[in-house]
Amino acid sequence: RFITHFWVWIETLSLQIKDSMCGFRVYPLEAYAELIKQ
C-alpha cells in the first residue's frame, strides 16, 4: 500500500490523502456526478 501512498502524494502534490485504498467512504454525490461527466 505504501507504494500507492507515495504516488498519490506526488499526483496531488500534497500529504493530505492519508490512504487512498480504503473502501469505507462517504461520497458527496453532487461532486461525484460532476466528475463522471468529465
PDB file of all heavy atoms in Angstrom:
ATOM      1  N   ARG A   1       0.815  -1.215   0.000  1.00  0.00           N
ATOM      2  CA  ARG A   1       0.000   0.000   0.000  1.00  0.00           C
ATOM      3  C   ARG A   1       0.850   1.267   0.000  1.00  0.00           C
ATOM      4  O   ARG A   1       0.433   2.298  -0.511  1.00  0.00           O
ATOM      5  CB  ARG A   1      -0.934   0.012   1.220  1.00  0.00           C
ATOM      6  CG  ARG A   1      -1.898  -1.155   1.274  1.00  0.00           C
ATOM      7  CD  ARG A   1      -2.689  -1.140   2.577  1.00  0.00           C
ATOM      8  NE  ARG A   1      -3.651  -0.059   2.605  1.00  0.00           N
ATOM      9  CZ  ARG A   1      -4.892  -0.135   2.169  1.00  0.00           C
ATOM     10  NH1 ARG A   1      -5.334  -1.257   1.642  1.00  0.00           N
ATOM     11  NH2 ARG A   1      -5.702   0.894   2.242  1.00  0.00           N
ATOM     12  N   PHE A   2       2.044   1.188   0.582  1.00  0.00           N
ATOM     13  CA  PHE A   2       2.883   2.386   0.685  1.00  0.00           C
ATOM     14  C   PHE A   2       3.382   2.849  -0.683  1.00  0.00           C
ATOM     15  O   PHE A   2       3.703   4.027  -0.855  1.00  0.00           O
ATOM     16  CB  PHE A   2       4.043   2.130   1.645  1.00  0.00           C
ATOM     17  CG  PHE A   2       3.614   2.074   3.087  1.00  0.00           C
ATOM     18  CD1 PHE A   2       3.368   0.862   3.703  1.00  0.00           C
ATOM     19  CD2 PHE A   2       3.404   3.244   3.803  1.00  0.00           C
ATOM     20  CE1 PHE A   2       2.947   0.808   5.023  1.00  0.00           C
ATOM     21  CE2 PHE A   2       2.978   3.207   5.123  1.00  0.00           C
ATOM     22  CZ  PHE A   2       2.743   1.979   5.741  1.00  0.00           C
ATOM     23  N   ILE A   3       3.460   1.929  -1.635  1.00  0.00           N
ATOM     24  CA  ILE A   3       3.848   2.334  -2.988  1.00  0.00           C
ATOM     25  C   ILE A   3       2.792   3.270  -3.566  1.00  0.00           C
ATOM     26  O   ILE A   3       3.105   4.323  -4.142  1.00  0.00           O
ATOM     27  CB  ILE A   3       4.031   1.095  -3.891  1.00  0.00           C
ATOM     28  CG1 ILE A   3       5.152   0.220  -3.349  1.00  0.00           C
ATOM     29  CG2 ILE A   3       4.301   1.520  -5.330  1.00  0.00           C
ATOM     30  CD1 ILE A   3       5.295  -1.113  -4.075  1.00  0.00           C
ATOM     31  N   THR A   4       1.518   2.871  -3.400  1.00  0.00           N
ATOM     32  CA  THR A   4       0.430   3.730  -3.877  1.00  0.00           C
ATOM     33  C   THR A   4       0.374   5.030  -3.096  1.00  0.00           C
ATOM     34  O   THR A   4       0.159   6.102  -3.679  1.00  0.00           O
ATOM     35  CB  THR A   4      -0.910   2.989  -3.790  1.00  0.00           C
ATOM     36  OG1 THR A   4      -1.048   2.150  -4.951  1.00  0.00           O
ATOM     37  CG2 THR A   4      -2.089   3.960  -3.769  1.00  0.00           C
ATOM     38  N   HIS A   5       0.585   4.989  -1.774  1.00  0.00           N
ATOM     39  CA  HIS A   5       0.589   6.226  -0.986  1.00  0.00           C
ATOM     40  C   HIS A   5       1.616   7.211  -1.551  1.00  0.00           C
ATOM     41  O   HIS A   5       1.337   8.411  -1.696  1.00  0.00           O
ATOM     42  CB  HIS A   5       0.936   5.933   0.480  1.00  0.00           C
ATOM     43  CG  HIS A   5      -0.073   5.085   1.193  1.00  0.00           C
ATOM     44  ND1 HIS A   5      -1.332   4.856   0.703  1.00  0.00           N
ATOM     45  CD2 HIS A   5       0.006   4.410   2.369  1.00  0.00           C
ATOM     46  CE1 HIS A   5      -1.983   4.082   1.544  1.00  0.00           C
ATOM     47  NE2 HIS A   5      -1.200   3.801   2.562  1.00  0.00           N
ATOM     48  N   PHE A   6       2.797   6.709  -1.862  1.00  0.00           N
ATOM     49  CA  PHE A   6       3.872   7.553  -2.396  1.00  0.00           C
ATOM     50  C   PHE A   6       3.440   8.224  -3.693  1.00  0.00           C
ATOM     51  O   PHE A   6       3.594   9.443  -3.863  1.00  0.00           O
ATOM     52  CB  PHE A   6       5.127   6.702  -2.622  1.00  0.00           C
ATOM     53  CG  PHE A   6       6.212   7.400  -3.400  1.00  0.00           C
ATOM     54  CD1 PHE A   6       7.025   8.342  -2.795  1.00  0.00           C
ATOM     55  CD2 PHE A   6       6.409   7.116  -4.747  1.00  0.00           C
ATOM     56  CE1 PHE A   6       8.021   8.988  -3.513  1.00  0.00           C
ATOM     57  CE2 PHE A   6       7.403   7.752  -5.467  1.00  0.00           C
ATOM     58  CZ  PHE A   6       8.204   8.694  -4.856  1.00  0.00           C
ATOM     59  N   TRP A   7       2.873   7.440  -4.612  1.00  0.00           N
ATOM     60  CA  TRP A   7       2.485   8.002  -5.898  1.00  0.00           C
ATOM     61  C   TRP A   7       1.321   8.982  -5.758  1.00  0.00           C
ATOM     62  O   TRP A   7       1.274  10.005  -6.453  1.00  0.00           O
ATOM     63  CB  TRP A   7       2.139   6.890  -6.891  1.00  0.00           C
ATOM     64  CG  TRP A   7       3.375   6.297  -7.483  1.00  0.00           C
ATOM     65  CD1 TRP A   7       3.897   5.054  -7.268  1.00  0.00           C
ATOM     66  CD2 TRP A   7       4.287   6.952  -8.372  1.00  0.00           C
ATOM     67  NE1 TRP A   7       5.065   4.895  -7.960  1.00  0.00           N
ATOM     68  CE2 TRP A   7       5.332   6.037  -8.652  1.00  0.00           C
ATOM     69  CE3 TRP A   7       4.331   8.208  -8.954  1.00  0.00           C
ATOM     70  CZ2 TRP A   7       6.392   6.362  -9.496  1.00  0.00           C
ATOM     71  CZ3 TRP A   7       5.385   8.529  -9.803  1.00  0.00           C
ATOM     72  CH2 TRP A   7       6.390   7.614 -10.058  1.00  0.00           C
ATOM     73  N   VAL A   8       0.397   8.704  -4.857  1.00  0.00           N
ATOM     74  CA  VAL A   8      -0.728   9.621  -4.648  1.00  0.00           C
ATOM     75  C   VAL A   8      -0.243  10.957  -4.099  1.00  0.00           C
ATOM     76  O   VAL A   8      -0.739  12.027  -4.486  1.00  0.00           O
ATOM     77  CB  VAL A   8      -1.780   8.987  -3.714  1.00  0.00           C
ATOM     78  CG1 VAL A   8      -2.784  10.031  -3.212  1.00  0.00           C
ATOM     79  CG2 VAL A   8      -2.518   7.868  -4.447  1.00  0.00           C
ATOM     80  N   TRP A   9       0.742  10.929  -3.221  1.00  0.00           N
ATOM     81  CA  TRP A   9       1.299  12.191  -2.707  1.00  0.00           C
ATOM     82  C   TRP A   9       1.926  13.010  -3.839  1.00  0.00           C
ATOM     83  O   TRP A   9       1.821  14.233  -3.853  1.00  0.00           O
ATOM     84  CB  TRP A   9       2.330  11.901  -1.611  1.00  0.00           C
ATOM     85  CG  TRP A   9       1.737  11.269  -0.392  1.00  0.00           C
ATOM     86  CD1 TRP A   9       0.440  11.371   0.044  1.00  0.00           C
ATOM     87  CD2 TRP A   9       2.398  10.426   0.549  1.00  0.00           C
ATOM     88  NE1 TRP A   9       0.257  10.652   1.197  1.00  0.00           N
ATOM     89  CE2 TRP A   9       1.448  10.060   1.537  1.00  0.00           C
ATOM     90  CE3 TRP A   9       3.709   9.941   0.662  1.00  0.00           C
ATOM     91  CZ2 TRP A   9       1.766   9.222   2.616  1.00  0.00           C
ATOM     92  CZ3 TRP A   9       4.026   9.120   1.735  1.00  0.00           C
ATOM     93  CH2 TRP A   9       3.072   8.771   2.701  1.00  0.00           C
ATOM     94  N   ILE A  10       2.563  12.320  -4.772  1.00  0.00           N
ATOM     95  CA  ILE A  10       3.135  13.023  -5.927  1.00  0.00           C
ATOM     96  C   ILE A  10       2.021  13.563  -6.826  1.00  0.00           C
ATOM     97  O   ILE A  10       2.066  14.708  -7.291  1.00  0.00           O
ATOM     98  CB  ILE A  10       4.059  12.081  -6.727  1.00  0.00           C
ATOM     99  CG1 ILE A  10       5.344  11.800  -5.933  1.00  0.00           C
ATOM    100  CG2 ILE A  10       4.418  12.691  -8.092  1.00  0.00           C
ATOM    101  CD1 ILE A  10       6.265  10.795  -6.586  1.00  0.00           C
ATOM    102  N   GLU A  11       1.015  12.752  -7.100  1.00  0.00           N
ATOM    103  CA  GLU A  11      -0.063  13.126  -8.014  1.00  0.00           C
ATOM    104  C   GLU A  11      -0.916  14.268  -7.499  1.00  0.00           C
ATOM    105  O   GLU A  11      -1.539  14.992  -8.278  1.00  0.00           O
ATOM    106  CB  GLU A  11      -0.946  11.898  -8.276  1.00  0.00           C
ATOM    107  CG  GLU A  11      -0.241  10.827  -9.097  1.00  0.00           C
ATOM    108  CD  GLU A  11      -0.727   9.425  -8.819  1.00  0.00           C
ATOM    109  OE1 GLU A  11      -1.725   9.263  -8.077  1.00  0.00           O
ATOM    110  OE2 GLU A  11      -0.126   8.469  -9.339  1.00  0.00           O
ATOM    111  N   THR A  12      -0.915  14.462  -6.168  1.00  0.00           N
ATOM    112  CA  THR A  12      -1.705  15.546  -5.583  1.00  0.00           C
ATOM    113  C   THR A  12      -0.834  16.697  -5.079  1.00  0.00           C
ATOM    114  O   THR A  12      -1.364  17.726  -4.654  1.00  0.00           O
ATOM    115  CB  THR A  12      -2.553  15.018  -4.406  1.00  0.00           C
ATOM    116  OG1 THR A  12      -1.685  14.436  -3.419  1.00  0.00           O
ATOM    117  CG2 THR A  12      -3.553  13.972  -4.884  1.00  0.00           C
ATOM    118  N   LEU A  13       0.494  16.499  -5.110  1.00  0.00           N
ATOM    119  CA  LEU A  13       1.435  17.475  -4.520  1.00  0.00           C
ATOM    120  C   LEU A  13       1.017  17.816  -3.092  1.00  0.00           C
ATOM    121  O   LEU A  13       1.063  18.973  -2.658  1.00  0.00           O
ATOM    122  CB  LEU A  13       1.514  18.749  -5.369  1.00  0.00           C
ATOM    123  CG  LEU A  13       2.011  18.599  -6.800  1.00  0.00           C
ATOM    124  CD1 LEU A  13       2.094  19.970  -7.467  1.00  0.00           C
ATOM    125  CD2 LEU A  13       3.363  17.896  -6.856  1.00  0.00           C
ATOM    126  N   SER A  14       0.602  16.793  -2.368  1.00  0.00           N
ATOM    127  CA  SER A  14       0.048  17.011  -1.035  1.00  0.00           C
ATOM    128  C   SER A  14       0.168  15.727  -0.220  1.00  0.00           C
ATOM    129  O   SER A  14       0.157  14.622  -0.777  1.00  0.00           O
ATOM    130  CB  SER A  14      -1.424  17.416  -1.145  1.00  0.00           C
ATOM    131  OG  SER A  14      -2.053  17.412   0.118  1.00  0.00           O
ATOM    132  N   LEU A  15       0.241  15.891   1.088  1.00  0.00           N
ATOM    133  CA  LEU A  15       0.195  14.749   2.008  1.00  0.00           C
ATOM    134  C   LEU A  15      -1.189  14.617   2.640  1.00  0.00           C
ATOM    135  O   LEU A  15      -1.370  13.868   3.587  1.00  0.00           O
ATOM    136  CB  LEU A  15       1.257  14.911   3.105  1.00  0.00           C
ATOM    137  CG  LEU A  15       2.718  14.961   2.650  1.00  0.00           C
ATOM    138  CD1 LEU A  15       3.640  15.185   3.845  1.00  0.00           C
ATOM    139  CD2 LEU A  15       3.106  13.691   1.912  1.00  0.00           C
ATOM    140  N   GLN A  16      -2.166  15.351   2.098  1.00  0.00           N
ATOM    141  CA  GLN A  16      -3.495  15.355   2.697  1.00  0.00           C
ATOM    142  C   GLN A  16      -4.168  13.989   2.602  1.00  0.00           C
ATOM    143  O   GLN A  16      -4.910  13.586   3.493  1.00  0.00           O
ATOM    144  CB  GLN A  16      -4.388  16.409   2.024  1.00  0.00           C
ATOM    145  CG  GLN A  16      -5.777  16.498   2.658  1.00  0.00           C
ATOM    146  CD  GLN A  16      -6.655  17.541   1.991  1.00  0.00           C
ATOM    147  OE1 GLN A  16      -6.174  18.428   1.296  1.00  0.00           O
ATOM    148  NE2 GLN A  16      -7.961  17.432   2.188  1.00  0.00           N
ATOM    149  N   ILE A  17      -3.918  13.268   1.519  1.00  0.00           N
ATOM    150  CA  ILE A  17      -4.553  11.954   1.358  1.00  0.00           C
ATOM    151  C   ILE A  17      -3.730  10.929   2.121  1.00  0.00           C
ATOM    152  O   ILE A  17      -2.647  10.519   1.689  1.00  0.00           O
ATOM    153  CB  ILE A  17      -4.679  11.582  -0.129  1.00  0.00           C
ATOM    154  CG1 ILE A  17      -5.658  12.559  -0.802  1.00  0.00           C
ATOM    155  CG2 ILE A  17      -5.153  10.151  -0.288  1.00  0.00           C
ATOM    156  CD1 ILE A  17      -5.908  12.286  -2.264  1.00  0.00           C
ATOM    157  N   LYS A  18      -4.252  10.502   3.250  1.00  0.00           N
ATOM    158  CA  LYS A  18      -3.549   9.579   4.133  1.00  0.00           C
ATOM    159  C   LYS A  18      -3.645   8.132   3.660  1.00  0.00           C
ATOM    160  O   LYS A  18      -2.754   7.328   3.905  1.00  0.00           O
ATOM    161  CB  LYS A  18      -4.110   9.690   5.558  1.00  0.00           C
ATOM    162  CG  LYS A  18      -4.210  11.103   6.096  1.00  0.00           C
ATOM    163  CD  LYS A  18      -2.868  11.803   6.149  1.00  0.00           C
ATOM    164  CE  LYS A  18      -2.984  13.200   6.726  1.00  0.00           C
ATOM    165  NZ  LYS A  18      -1.701  13.936   6.694  1.00  0.00           N
ATOM    166  N   ASP A  19      -4.738   7.792   3.019  1.00  0.00           N
ATOM    167  CA  ASP A  19      -4.940   6.440   2.498  1.00  0.00           C
ATOM    168  C   ASP A  19      -5.959   6.530   1.369  1.00  0.00           C
ATOM    169  O   ASP A  19      -7.051   7.075   1.560  1.00  0.00           O
ATOM    170  CB  ASP A  19      -5.453   5.503   3.589  1.00  0.00           C
ATOM    171  CG  ASP A  19      -5.517   4.061   3.111  1.00  0.00           C
ATOM    172  OD1 ASP A  19      -6.416   3.711   2.325  1.00  0.00           O
ATOM    173  OD2 ASP A  19      -4.654   3.262   3.529  1.00  0.00           O
ATOM    174  N   SER A  20      -5.590   5.981   0.202  1.00  0.00           N
ATOM    175  CA  SER A  20      -6.478   6.087  -0.957  1.00  0.00           C
ATOM    176  C   SER A  20      -7.071   4.745  -1.368  1.00  0.00           C
ATOM    177  O   SER A  20      -7.703   4.639  -2.413  1.00  0.00           O
ATOM    178  CB  SER A  20      -5.706   6.676  -2.150  1.00  0.00           C
ATOM    179  OG  SER A  20      -4.621   5.828  -2.491  1.00  0.00           O
ATOM    180  N   MET A  21      -6.889   3.716  -0.541  1.00  0.00           N
ATOM    181  CA  MET A  21      -7.309   2.377  -0.939  1.00  0.00           C
ATOM    182  C   MET A  21      -8.423   1.797  -0.069  1.00  0.00           C
ATOM    183  O   MET A  21      -8.916   0.704  -0.342  1.00  0.00           O
ATOM    184  CB  MET A  21      -6.099   1.433  -0.930  1.00  0.00           C
ATOM    185  CG  MET A  21      -4.979   1.891  -1.856  1.00  0.00           C
ATOM    186  SD  MET A  21      -3.544   0.798  -1.875  1.00  0.00           S
ATOM    187  CE  MET A  21      -4.181  -0.544  -2.903  1.00  0.00           C
ATOM    188  N   CYS A  22      -8.810   2.511   0.964  1.00  0.00           N
ATOM    189  CA  CYS A  22      -9.862   2.015   1.853  1.00  0.00           C
ATOM    190  C   CYS A  22     -11.233   2.220   1.202  1.00  0.00           C
ATOM    191  O   CYS A  22     -11.573   3.319   0.779  1.00  0.00           O
ATOM    192  CB  CYS A  22      -9.811   2.742   3.191  1.00  0.00           C
ATOM    193  SG  CYS A  22     -11.039   2.155   4.393  1.00  0.00           S
ATOM    194  N   GLY A  23     -12.032   1.150   1.143  1.00  0.00           N
ATOM    195  CA  GLY A  23     -13.353   1.229   0.525  1.00  0.00           C
ATOM    196  C   GLY A  23     -14.471   1.556   1.489  1.00  0.00           C
ATOM    197  O   GLY A  23     -15.609   1.148   1.274  1.00  0.00           O
ATOM    198  N   PHE A  24     -14.163   2.284   2.548  1.00  0.00           N
ATOM    199  CA  PHE A  24     -15.144   2.694   3.563  1.00  0.00           C
ATOM    200  C   PHE A  24     -15.180   4.218   3.509  1.00  0.00           C
ATOM    201  O   PHE A  24     -14.336   4.897   4.080  1.00  0.00           O
ATOM    202  CB  PHE A  24     -14.662   2.186   4.921  1.00  0.00           C
ATOM    203  CG  PHE A  24     -15.661   2.294   6.042  1.00  0.00           C
ATOM    204  CD1 PHE A  24     -17.017   2.478   5.818  1.00  0.00           C
ATOM    205  CD2 PHE A  24     -15.228   2.182   7.355  1.00  0.00           C
ATOM    206  CE1 PHE A  24     -17.920   2.563   6.862  1.00  0.00           C
ATOM    207  CE2 PHE A  24     -16.112   2.261   8.415  1.00  0.00           C
ATOM    208  CZ  PHE A  24     -17.460   2.452   8.175  1.00  0.00           C
ATOM    209  N   ARG A  25     -16.175   4.781   2.778  1.00  0.00           N
ATOM    210  CA  ARG A  25     -16.178   6.199   2.458  1.00  0.00           C
ATOM    211  C   ARG A  25     -17.590   6.772   2.438  1.00  0.00           C
ATOM    212  O   ARG A  25     -18.547   6.043   2.219  1.00  0.00           O
ATOM    213  CB  ARG A  25     -15.572   6.434   1.070  1.00  0.00           C
ATOM    214  CG  ARG A  25     -14.158   5.964   0.904  1.00  0.00           C
ATOM    215  CD  ARG A  25     -13.681   6.144  -0.508  1.00  0.00           C
ATOM    216  NE  ARG A  25     -12.262   5.820  -0.635  1.00  0.00           N
ATOM    217  CZ  ARG A  25     -11.591   5.851  -1.761  1.00  0.00           C
ATOM    218  NH1 ARG A  25     -12.187   6.204  -2.890  1.00  0.00           N
ATOM    219  NH2 ARG A  25     -10.307   5.538  -1.784  1.00  0.00           N
ATOM    220  N   VAL A  26     -17.659   8.096   2.596  1.00  0.00           N
ATOM    221  CA  VAL A  26     -18.906   8.815   2.336  1.00  0.00           C
ATOM    222  C   VAL A  26     -18.641   9.784   1.184  1.00  0.00           C
ATOM    223  O   VAL A  26     -17.821  10.703   1.305  1.00  0.00           O
ATOM    224  CB  VAL A  26     -19.406   9.597   3.564  1.00  0.00           C
ATOM    225  CG1 VAL A  26     -20.763  10.232   3.245  1.00  0.00           C
ATOM    226  CG2 VAL A  26     -19.521   8.692   4.786  1.00  0.00           C
ATOM    227  N   TYR A  27     -19.345   9.563   0.073  1.00  0.00           N
ATOM    228  CA  TYR A  27     -19.173  10.394  -1.117  1.00  0.00           C
ATOM    229  C   TYR A  27     -20.187  11.535  -1.154  1.00  0.00           C
ATOM    230  O   TYR A  27     -21.388  11.296  -0.964  1.00  0.00           O
ATOM    231  CB  TYR A  27     -19.379   9.558  -2.381  1.00  0.00           C
ATOM    232  CG  TYR A  27     -18.227   8.664  -2.738  1.00  0.00           C
ATOM    233  CD1 TYR A  27     -18.208   7.336  -2.344  1.00  0.00           C
ATOM    234  CD2 TYR A  27     -17.155   9.144  -3.488  1.00  0.00           C
ATOM    235  CE1 TYR A  27     -17.151   6.497  -2.680  1.00  0.00           C
ATOM    236  CE2 TYR A  27     -16.089   8.323  -3.840  1.00  0.00           C
ATOM    237  CZ  TYR A  27     -16.098   6.997  -3.424  1.00  0.00           C
ATOM    238  OH  TYR A  27     -15.050   6.182  -3.765  1.00  0.00           O
ATOM    239  N   PRO A  28     -19.723  12.765  -1.433  1.00  0.00           N
ATOM    240  CA  PRO A  28     -20.655  13.849  -1.755  1.00  0.00           C
ATOM    241  C   PRO A  28     -21.072  13.658  -3.217  1.00  0.00           C
ATOM    242  O   PRO A  28     -20.247  13.772  -4.132  1.00  0.00           O
ATOM    243  CB  PRO A  28     -19.810  15.107  -1.550  1.00  0.00           C
ATOM    244  CG  PRO A  28     -18.394  14.664  -1.789  1.00  0.00           C
ATOM    245  CD  PRO A  28     -18.323  13.208  -1.434  1.00  0.00           C
ATOM    246  N   LEU A  29     -22.331  13.347  -3.448  1.00  0.00           N
ATOM    247  CA  LEU A  29     -22.747  12.862  -4.764  1.00  0.00           C
ATOM    248  C   LEU A  29     -22.802  13.936  -5.840  1.00  0.00           C
ATOM    249  O   LEU A  29     -22.643  13.639  -7.027  1.00  0.00           O
ATOM    250  CB  LEU A  29     -24.099  12.156  -4.648  1.00  0.00           C
ATOM    251  CG  LEU A  29     -24.053  10.842  -3.865  1.00  0.00           C
ATOM    252  CD1 LEU A  29     -25.453  10.250  -3.730  1.00  0.00           C
ATOM    253  CD2 LEU A  29     -23.113   9.830  -4.520  1.00  0.00           C
ATOM    254  N   GLU A  30     -23.020  15.177  -5.463  1.00  0.00           N
ATOM    255  CA  GLU A  30     -23.028  16.234  -6.475  1.00  0.00           C
ATOM    256  C   GLU A  30     -21.640  16.356  -7.116  1.00  0.00           C
ATOM    257  O   GLU A  30     -21.508  16.468  -8.333  1.00  0.00           O
ATOM    258  CB  GLU A  30     -23.452  17.570  -5.872  1.00  0.00           C
ATOM    259  CG  GLU A  30     -23.606  18.673  -6.902  1.00  0.00           C
ATOM    260  CD  GLU A  30     -24.163  19.963  -6.327  1.00  0.00           C
ATOM    261  OE1 GLU A  30     -24.484  19.997  -5.128  1.00  0.00           O
ATOM    262  OE2 GLU A  30     -24.279  20.936  -7.108  1.00  0.00           O
ATOM    263  N   ALA A  31     -20.605  16.316  -6.276  1.00  0.00           N
ATOM    264  CA  ALA A  31     -19.230  16.390  -6.792  1.00  0.00           C
ATOM    265  C   ALA A  31     -18.907  15.148  -7.612  1.00  0.00           C
ATOM    266  O   ALA A  31     -18.236  15.227  -8.653  1.00  0.00           O
ATOM    267  CB  ALA A  31     -18.246  16.534  -5.636  1.00  0.00           C
ATOM    268  N   TYR A  32     -19.385  13.996  -7.163  1.00  0.00           N
ATOM    269  CA  TYR A  32     -19.127  12.760  -7.903  1.00  0.00           C
ATOM    270  C   TYR A  32     -19.805  12.785  -9.268  1.00  0.00           C
ATOM    271  O   TYR A  32     -19.204  12.402 -10.282  1.00  0.00           O
ATOM    272  CB  TYR A  32     -19.615  11.555  -7.102  1.00  0.00           C
ATOM    273  CG  TYR A  32     -19.310  10.235  -7.777  1.00  0.00           C
ATOM    274  CD1 TYR A  32     -18.048   9.671  -7.692  1.00  0.00           C
ATOM    275  CD2 TYR A  32     -20.279   9.578  -8.528  1.00  0.00           C
ATOM    276  CE1 TYR A  32     -17.747   8.476  -8.332  1.00  0.00           C
ATOM    277  CE2 TYR A  32     -19.993   8.387  -9.177  1.00  0.00           C
ATOM    278  CZ  TYR A  32     -18.723   7.839  -9.061  1.00  0.00           C
ATOM    279  OH  TYR A  32     -18.434   6.660  -9.714  1.00  0.00           O
ATOM    280  N   ALA A  33     -21.049  13.243  -9.295  1.00  0.00           N
ATOM    281  CA  ALA A  33     -21.775  13.323 -10.565  1.00  0.00           C
ATOM    282  C   ALA A  33     -21.082  14.253 -11.541  1.00  0.00           C
ATOM    283  O   ALA A  33     -21.028  13.987 -12.751  1.00  0.00           O
ATOM    284  CB  ALA A  33     -23.215  13.789 -10.315  1.00  0.00           C
ATOM    285  N   GLU A  34     -20.533  15.337 -11.031  1.00  0.00           N
ATOM    286  CA  GLU A  34     -19.795  16.275 -11.889  1.00  0.00           C
ATOM    287  C   GLU A  34     -18.528  15.619 -12.434  1.00  0.00           C
ATOM    288  O   GLU A  34     -18.173  15.803 -13.605  1.00  0.00           O
ATOM    289  CB  GLU A  34     -19.433  17.532 -11.089  1.00  0.00           C
ATOM    290  CG  GLU A  34     -18.774  18.625 -11.900  1.00  0.00           C
ATOM    291  CD  GLU A  34     -19.661  19.164 -13.014  1.00  0.00           C
ATOM    292  OE1 GLU A  34     -20.905  19.173 -12.846  1.00  0.00           O
ATOM    293  OE2 GLU A  34     -19.100  19.566 -14.068  1.00  0.00           O
ATOM    294  N   LEU A  35     -17.861  14.840 -11.589  1.00  0.00           N
ATOM    295  CA  LEU A  35     -16.632  14.181 -12.011  1.00  0.00           C
ATOM    296  C   LEU A  35     -16.876  13.197 -13.145  1.00  0.00           C
ATOM    297  O   LEU A  35     -16.148  13.194 -14.151  1.00  0.00           O
ATOM    298  CB  LEU A  35     -15.996  13.453 -10.820  1.00  0.00           C
ATOM    299  CG  LEU A  35     -14.760  12.609 -11.144  1.00  0.00           C
ATOM    300  CD1 LEU A  35     -13.616  13.482 -11.637  1.00  0.00           C
ATOM    301  CD2 LEU A  35     -14.330  11.806  -9.914  1.00  0.00           C
ATOM    302  N   ILE A  36     -17.875  12.346 -13.021  1.00  0.00           N
ATOM    303  CA  ILE A  36     -18.063  11.297 -14.027  1.00  0.00           C
ATOM    304  C   ILE A  36     -18.638  11.834 -15.338  1.00  0.00           C
ATOM    305  O   ILE A  36     -18.697  11.102 -16.324  1.00  0.00           O
ATOM    306  CB  ILE A  36     -18.922  10.135 -13.486  1.00  0.00           C
ATOM    307  CG1 ILE A  36     -20.319  10.611 -13.089  1.00  0.00           C
ATOM    308  CG2 ILE A  36     -18.213   9.452 -12.334  1.00  0.00           C
ATOM    309  CD1 ILE A  36     -21.248   9.465 -12.707  1.00  0.00           C
ATOM    310  N   LYS A  37     -19.058  13.103 -15.336  1.00  0.00           N
ATOM    311  CA  LYS A  37     -19.403  13.736 -16.614  1.00  0.00           C
ATOM    312  C   LYS A  37     -18.147  14.020 -17.431  1.00  0.00           C
ATOM    313  O   LYS A  37     -18.201  14.104 -18.661  1.00  0.00           O
ATOM    314  CB  LYS A  37     -20.133  15.067 -16.374  1.00  0.00           C
ATOM    315  CG  LYS A  37     -21.538  14.955 -15.840  1.00  0.00           C
ATOM    316  CD  LYS A  37     -22.094  16.351 -15.621  1.00  0.00           C
ATOM    317  CE  LYS A  37     -23.474  16.325 -14.983  1.00  0.00           C
ATOM    318  NZ  LYS A  37     -23.968  17.707 -14.705  1.00  0.00           N
ATOM    319  N   GLN A  38     -17.022  14.160 -16.738  1.00  0.00           N
ATOM    320  CA  GLN A  38     -15.795  14.619 -17.375  1.00  0.00           C
ATOM    321  C   GLN A  38     -14.805  13.506 -17.693  1.00  0.00           C
ATOM    322  O   GLN A  38     -13.972  13.651 -18.580  1.00  0.00           O
ATOM    323  CB  GLN A  38     -15.101  15.636 -16.461  1.00  0.00           C
ATOM    324  CG  GLN A  38     -15.965  16.826 -16.097  1.00  0.00           C
ATOM    325  CD  GLN A  38     -15.348  17.655 -14.989  1.00  0.00           C
ATOM    326  OE1 GLN A  38     -14.143  17.613 -14.759  1.00  0.00           O
ATOM    327  NE2 GLN A  38     -16.165  18.404 -14.273  1.00  0.00           N
TER     328      GLN A  38
END
